[in-house]
Amino acid sequence: MKNVWRVYRSDGQTQSLIGEMPSQTTEKEMLAVLQRLVCRELNDEEILLSSLRRGNPSRRALLDRVGQGSPIQWGDNPFVFARIEEDAA
């Protein structure tokens, strides 16, 4: 069996599988993928405010990683996360 990154979306009540990425995808690459997926849920103003430098009083944390380690989580609610799982195929 091989491992794959499984990417999920959750609203806190339910979670659904978005898709899979090869296990060779690095954590840094997965961080970028998850951040892109979260951007789909945000409006233009939220993206701009979340892109301000840390310490700016107007900054929002909507594009910040949540926690450390596995699973990798990004976003608030809904949020997306990814973890390495065994591929049953």
N, C-alpha and C. Protein backbone atom coordinates (compact mmCIF):
# COMPACT_ATOMS: atom_id res chain seq x y z
N MET A 1 0.83 -1.18 0.00
CA MET A 1 0.00 0.00 0.00
C MET A 1 0.88 1.25 0.00
N LYS A 2 0.40 2.28 -0.64
CA LYS A 2 1.13 3.54 -0.65
C LYS A 2 0.36 4.58 0.14
N ASN A 3 1.06 5.62 0.51
CA ASN A 3 0.43 6.71 1.26
C ASN A 3 0.08 7.85 0.31
N VAL A 4 -0.95 8.60 0.67
CA VAL A 4 -1.35 9.79 -0.07
C VAL A 4 -1.74 10.86 0.94
N TRP A 5 -1.68 12.11 0.49
CA TRP A 5 -2.26 13.20 1.27
C TRP A 5 -3.75 13.21 0.96
N ARG A 6 -4.59 13.15 1.96
CA ARG A 6 -6.03 13.32 1.77
C ARG A 6 -6.40 14.70 2.29
N VAL A 7 -7.15 15.42 1.47
CA VAL A 7 -7.52 16.79 1.78
C VAL A 7 -9.03 16.83 2.04
N TYR A 8 -9.41 17.42 3.17
CA TYR A 8 -10.80 17.46 3.61
C TYR A 8 -11.26 18.90 3.84
N ARG A 9 -12.55 19.12 3.74
CA ARG A 9 -13.20 20.38 4.13
C ARG A 9 -14.16 20.04 5.27
N SER A 10 -14.21 20.91 6.28
CA SER A 10 -15.10 20.68 7.41
C SER A 10 -15.73 22.00 7.84
N ASP A 11 -16.97 21.92 8.29
CA ASP A 11 -17.64 23.09 8.84
C ASP A 11 -17.81 22.95 10.34
N GLY A 12 -17.12 22.00 10.94
CA GLY A 12 -17.23 21.75 12.37
C GLY A 12 -18.24 20.67 12.69
N GLN A 13 -19.22 20.47 11.82
CA GLN A 13 -20.24 19.44 12.01
C GLN A 13 -19.97 18.24 11.10
N THR A 14 -19.66 18.52 9.86
CA THR A 14 -19.42 17.45 8.89
C THR A 14 -18.10 17.70 8.19
N GLN A 15 -17.52 16.64 7.69
CA GLN A 15 -16.32 16.77 6.88
C GLN A 15 -16.50 15.98 5.60
N SER A 16 -15.92 16.50 4.53
CA SER A 16 -16.01 15.82 3.24
C SER A 16 -14.64 15.81 2.59
N LEU A 17 -14.36 14.74 1.90
CA LEU A 17 -13.10 14.59 1.18
C LEU A 17 -13.13 15.48 -0.06
N ILE A 18 -12.13 16.36 -0.17
CA ILE A 18 -11.99 17.20 -1.36
C ILE A 18 -11.25 16.43 -2.44
N GLY A 19 -10.15 15.78 -2.04
CA GLY A 19 -9.35 15.05 -3.01
C GLY A 19 -8.06 14.55 -2.40
N GLU A 20 -7.17 14.09 -3.26
CA GLU A 20 -5.90 13.51 -2.83
C GLU A 20 -4.74 14.14 -3.59
N MET A 21 -3.59 14.13 -2.94
CA MET A 21 -2.34 14.57 -3.55
C MET A 21 -1.31 13.47 -3.30
N PRO A 22 -0.33 13.34 -4.18
CA PRO A 22 0.69 12.30 -3.98
C PRO A 22 1.46 12.53 -2.68
N SER A 23 1.91 11.44 -2.07
CA SER A 23 2.65 11.55 -0.81
C SER A 23 3.99 12.26 -0.99
N GLN A 24 4.47 12.35 -2.22
CA GLN A 24 5.72 13.05 -2.49
C GLN A 24 5.55 14.57 -2.36
N THR A 25 4.32 15.05 -2.31
CA THR A 25 4.05 16.47 -2.11
C THR A 25 4.60 16.85 -0.75
N THR A 26 5.42 17.90 -0.71
CA THR A 26 6.03 18.30 0.56
C THR A 26 5.01 19.01 1.44
N GLU A 27 5.33 19.11 2.72
CA GLU A 27 4.44 19.83 3.64
C GLU A 27 4.32 21.29 3.20
N LYS A 28 5.41 21.89 2.77
CA LYS A 28 5.37 23.28 2.31
C LYS A 28 4.42 23.43 1.11
N GLU A 29 4.45 22.48 0.19
CA GLU A 29 3.53 22.52 -0.95
C GLU A 29 2.09 22.34 -0.51
N MET A 30 1.86 21.45 0.47
CA MET A 30 0.50 21.24 0.97
C MET A 30 -0.02 22.49 1.67
N LEU A 31 0.85 23.20 2.37
CA LEU A 31 0.44 24.46 3.01
C LEU A 31 -0.09 25.44 1.96
N ALA A 32 0.60 25.52 0.83
CA ALA A 32 0.17 26.42 -0.24
C ALA A 32 -1.16 25.97 -0.83
N VAL A 33 -1.34 24.67 -1.01
CA VAL A 33 -2.60 24.13 -1.55
C VAL A 33 -3.76 24.47 -0.62
N LEU A 34 -3.57 24.23 0.68
CA LEU A 34 -4.64 24.49 1.65
C LEU A 34 -4.97 25.98 1.72
N GLN A 35 -3.95 26.81 1.67
CA GLN A 35 -4.20 28.25 1.70
C GLN A 35 -5.00 28.68 0.47
N ARG A 36 -4.71 28.12 -0.68
CA ARG A 36 -5.48 28.43 -1.89
C ARG A 36 -6.94 27.99 -1.74
N LEU A 37 -7.14 26.83 -1.16
CA LEU A 37 -8.52 26.35 -0.97
C LEU A 37 -9.29 27.26 -0.01
N VAL A 38 -8.63 27.73 1.04
CA VAL A 38 -9.29 28.63 1.99
C VAL A 38 -9.66 29.95 1.30
N CYS A 39 -8.79 30.43 0.41
CA CYS A 39 -9.07 31.69 -0.30
C CYS A 39 -10.37 31.63 -1.08
N ARG A 40 -10.76 30.46 -1.53
CA ARG A 40 -12.01 30.32 -2.28
C ARG A 40 -13.22 30.70 -1.43
N GLU A 41 -13.09 30.61 -0.10
CA GLU A 41 -14.19 30.90 0.81
C GLU A 41 -14.20 32.36 1.26
N LEU A 42 -13.14 33.11 0.95
CA LEU A 42 -13.00 34.48 1.44
C LEU A 42 -13.36 35.49 0.36
N ASN A 43 -13.79 36.67 0.79
CA ASN A 43 -14.01 37.74 -0.18
C ASN A 43 -12.71 38.53 -0.33
N ASP A 44 -12.68 39.46 -1.27
CA ASP A 44 -11.47 40.21 -1.58
C ASP A 44 -10.93 40.96 -0.35
N GLU A 45 -11.81 41.62 0.39
CA GLU A 45 -11.37 42.38 1.56
C GLU A 45 -10.74 41.46 2.61
N GLU A 46 -11.34 40.30 2.84
CA GLU A 46 -10.79 39.36 3.82
C GLU A 46 -9.40 38.88 3.41
N ILE A 47 -9.20 38.65 2.12
CA ILE A 47 -7.88 38.22 1.63
C ILE A 47 -6.87 39.34 1.85
N LEU A 48 -7.23 40.56 1.50
CA LEU A 48 -6.31 41.69 1.67
C LEU A 48 -5.96 41.90 3.14
N LEU A 49 -6.96 41.91 4.02
CA LEU A 49 -6.70 42.12 5.44
C LEU A 49 -5.88 40.97 6.05
N SER A 50 -6.07 39.77 5.55
CA SER A 50 -5.32 38.62 6.05
C SER A 50 -3.89 38.60 5.51
N SER A 51 -3.63 39.41 4.51
CA SER A 51 -2.29 39.47 3.91
C SER A 51 -1.42 40.57 4.51
N LEU A 52 -1.98 41.36 5.42
CA LEU A 52 -1.19 42.40 6.08
C LEU A 52 -0.16 41.77 7.00
N ARG A 53 0.90 42.50 7.27
CA ARG A 53 1.95 41.99 8.16
C ARG A 53 1.43 41.78 9.57
N ARG A 54 2.00 40.78 10.23
CA ARG A 54 1.66 40.54 11.64
C ARG A 54 1.98 41.81 12.43
N GLY A 55 1.15 42.12 13.38
CA GLY A 55 1.33 43.32 14.18
C GLY A 55 0.49 44.49 13.69
N ASN A 56 0.03 44.43 12.45
CA ASN A 56 -0.85 45.48 11.94
C ASN A 56 -2.21 45.32 12.62
N PRO A 57 -2.74 46.37 13.25
CA PRO A 57 -4.00 46.23 13.99
C PRO A 57 -5.20 45.86 13.11
N SER A 58 -5.11 46.08 11.81
CA SER A 58 -6.22 45.73 10.91
C SER A 58 -6.13 44.30 10.38
N ARG A 59 -5.02 43.64 10.69
CA ARG A 59 -4.78 42.31 10.14
C ARG A 59 -5.78 41.29 10.66
N ARG A 60 -6.23 40.42 9.75
CA ARG A 60 -7.08 39.28 10.13
C ARG A 60 -6.24 38.01 9.99
N ALA A 61 -6.53 37.00 10.74
CA ALA A 61 -5.74 35.76 10.73
C ALA A 61 -6.41 34.65 9.92
N LEU A 62 -7.22 35.01 8.94
CA LEU A 62 -7.99 34.01 8.19
C LEU A 62 -7.13 33.12 7.31
N LEU A 63 -5.91 33.58 6.98
CA LEU A 63 -5.03 32.78 6.12
C LEU A 63 -3.84 32.22 6.89
N ASP A 64 -3.95 32.15 8.20
CA ASP A 64 -2.90 31.58 9.03
C ASP A 64 -3.15 30.10 9.27
N ARG A 65 -2.07 29.35 9.33
CA ARG A 65 -2.17 27.94 9.68
C ARG A 65 -2.69 27.81 11.10
N VAL A 66 -3.50 26.78 11.33
CA VAL A 66 -4.04 26.51 12.66
C VAL A 66 -3.23 25.36 13.27
N GLY A 67 -2.52 25.65 14.37
CA GLY A 67 -1.76 24.62 15.06
C GLY A 67 -0.50 24.21 14.33
N GLN A 68 0.12 23.18 14.84
CA GLN A 68 1.34 22.62 14.27
C GLN A 68 1.17 21.12 14.13
N GLY A 69 2.02 20.49 13.37
CA GLY A 69 2.00 19.04 13.25
C GLY A 69 0.89 18.57 12.32
N SER A 70 0.48 17.33 12.53
CA SER A 70 -0.51 16.70 11.66
C SER A 70 -1.82 16.52 12.42
N PRO A 71 -2.95 16.72 11.78
CA PRO A 71 -3.10 17.14 10.40
C PRO A 71 -2.78 18.62 10.22
N ILE A 72 -2.48 18.99 8.99
CA ILE A 72 -2.26 20.40 8.66
C ILE A 72 -3.63 21.02 8.48
N GLN A 73 -3.91 22.08 9.21
CA GLN A 73 -5.22 22.72 9.14
C GLN A 73 -5.07 24.19 8.78
N TRP A 74 -6.00 24.66 7.94
CA TRP A 74 -5.98 26.05 7.51
C TRP A 74 -7.41 26.55 7.50
N GLY A 75 -7.61 27.78 7.95
CA GLY A 75 -8.93 28.38 7.89
C GLY A 75 -9.66 28.32 9.21
N ASP A 76 -10.82 28.96 9.22
CA ASP A 76 -11.61 29.06 10.45
C ASP A 76 -12.84 28.16 10.34
N ASN A 77 -13.91 28.64 9.76
CA ASN A 77 -15.10 27.81 9.60
C ASN A 77 -15.87 28.28 8.38
N PRO A 78 -15.83 27.57 7.30
CA PRO A 78 -15.26 26.23 7.16
C PRO A 78 -13.74 26.25 7.14
N PHE A 79 -13.15 25.11 7.41
CA PHE A 79 -11.70 24.98 7.34
C PHE A 79 -11.35 23.77 6.50
N VAL A 80 -10.10 23.74 6.05
CA VAL A 80 -9.60 22.60 5.28
C VAL A 80 -8.42 22.01 6.04
N PHE A 81 -8.23 20.71 5.88
CA PHE A 81 -7.09 20.07 6.50
C PHE A 81 -6.63 18.90 5.64
N ALA A 82 -5.37 18.52 5.86
CA ALA A 82 -4.79 17.42 5.09
C ALA A 82 -3.95 16.56 6.03
N ARG A 83 -3.95 15.28 5.73
CA ARG A 83 -3.11 14.36 6.49
C ARG A 83 -2.70 13.22 5.57
N ILE A 84 -1.59 12.59 5.92
CA ILE A 84 -1.10 11.42 5.18
C ILE A 84 -1.91 10.22 5.63
N GLU A 85 -2.47 9.49 4.68
CA GLU A 85 -3.22 8.27 4.98
C GLU A 85 -2.82 7.18 4.00
N GLU A 86 -3.07 5.95 4.38
CA GLU A 86 -2.82 4.82 3.49
C GLU A 86 -3.85 4.80 2.39
N ASP A 87 -3.38 4.61 1.16
CA ASP A 87 -4.28 4.50 0.02
C ASP A 87 -4.68 3.03 -0.09
N ALA A 88 -5.95 2.76 -0.02
CA ALA A 88 -6.45 1.38 -0.06
C ALA A 88 -6.35 0.75 -1.43
N ALA A 89 -6.12 1.56 -2.45
CA ALA A 89 -6.07 1.04 -3.83
C ALA A 89 -4.84 0.24 -4.09
